[in-house]
Amino acid sequence: MPDNPRNTRSTGYSAPRPAPLTLPALANAHSHAFHRALRGRTQQGTGSFWTWREQMYDLAARLTPDSYFELARATYAEMLAGGIGAVGEFHYLHHQPDGTPYDDPNEMGRALLAAADEVGIRIRLLDTCYLTAGIGHPAEGVQRRFSDGSADAWAERVAAFDDDRVGAAIHSVRAVPQDQMSTVAAWAAGRPLHVHLSEQPAENDACLAAYGLTPTQLLAEAGVLGPRTTLVHATHVTDTDVRLIGDSGCFVCLCPTTERDLADGVGRGADLRAAGARISLGSDSHAVVDLFEEMRGVEMHDRLRTGVRGHWSAQALLRCATSDGHASLGLEADGVVLLDPASPRTAGAGADEHAAVFAATAADVTEVVLAGETAFDGDHGRVGRDLDAAITKVWA
């Protein structure tokens, strides 16, 4: 009986391997590096953003400068392996567990800078002012690690970095009183300023009760909005908020995988873009570190919200992840990413940005070149081993 080709494992024929897909290096505009140790743990059981936050606080209480360095180094290596050449690190884990400053008050921030340097990823350290547990409530428990007591004390500490990679952040309207925001904004003049905005309905309700304003309106009154400001999430914004954001020229950083994972809600990316906001992307809590998934998530969220497909072209989404992402960090875009065009995900999808955005994943990155040098050589296995060692140490 002649051989049945369908039962033959290999014909011996090997098609020429297509040239890799090439695209600009990506920018992850919103990261909390230590959250990477929560993956696979906080997804168990039920709850909300607020129950997730208690698990996050447990992790925050465990970290030392050494363990944070090792965890951040492994996390940044995972980003680099996914084609990310620059990261905006929203950093608020400043002090010892009881709130006492380290001998070097910026020791935790310097650990993050050192981790990025060792990996070879560019970083914008967004040193975060975090003063209160909620509107009108003093910091308590592990939040004492986050707080400098006042915006003036925050500014004095951050000035001691003497590093032009350091930018600023206001954690949220929950964590920084309105009368303290202008101090942070003034310090950040000429540098990127990032803010968590309207991530949860409870934040909006508390702000309306305390100030009679939405969080967006409060930031506008405090002089925080502007073309160097990036508003992270902006999930629960009103039509008036959207117009304010667009008119101010702000960036908005969307984090679809985190917003899904934490049950935050579905944002209004297309509306914000139409109003004039520039959109960047972040992996935030690192439930997933994959900016290709974040790009697709922006379009998918708008589809779910509207019942209509095709709000974003591949080119527009790639701009969010590259040039606009870098711009939200105050950086020039730099670097090149090579993708495997014949992986199980990309095979047959084409050889252009549509394949990269709508088919590829971080696992398809074969090389990353930054400043003319190979920063990632395709060894994803090594990245996983280093992550496992760093995370195991944190939870030991």
Foldseek 3Di string as FASTA:
>chain_A
DDDDVVPDPDPPDDDDFDFWFKDFFFEAEEAAQQLQLCAPPLLPDDDFLVVSVVVVLVLLLQDDLVLLLLSLLLSVLLLVLLRHQEYEHADQQFDHQVLHADPLSRSNVVSNVVSCVVLNHHYQYALEAFAAPFVPHGDDGSCSSRHLNALVSVLVSVVVVPDPSYAHEYAFCTGHPLVRVLSNQVSRVVFAYEYAALLAVVNQVRCCVVPVDGRLVSCVVSVNFAQRYEYEAQADDDPVSLLSNQVRNYAYEYAQVVCVSNVSHQHDVLSSVVSHHQYAYHPYSPSDSKLLVVLVSNQVSNCVVPVDHDSDDLVSSVCNGFQSSQVNRVHGGWWMWTFRCCDPFNDPVDRHSCSVNVTDISLRTQFIAGPNHTSDHRCVVVSVVSNVVSSVVSVD
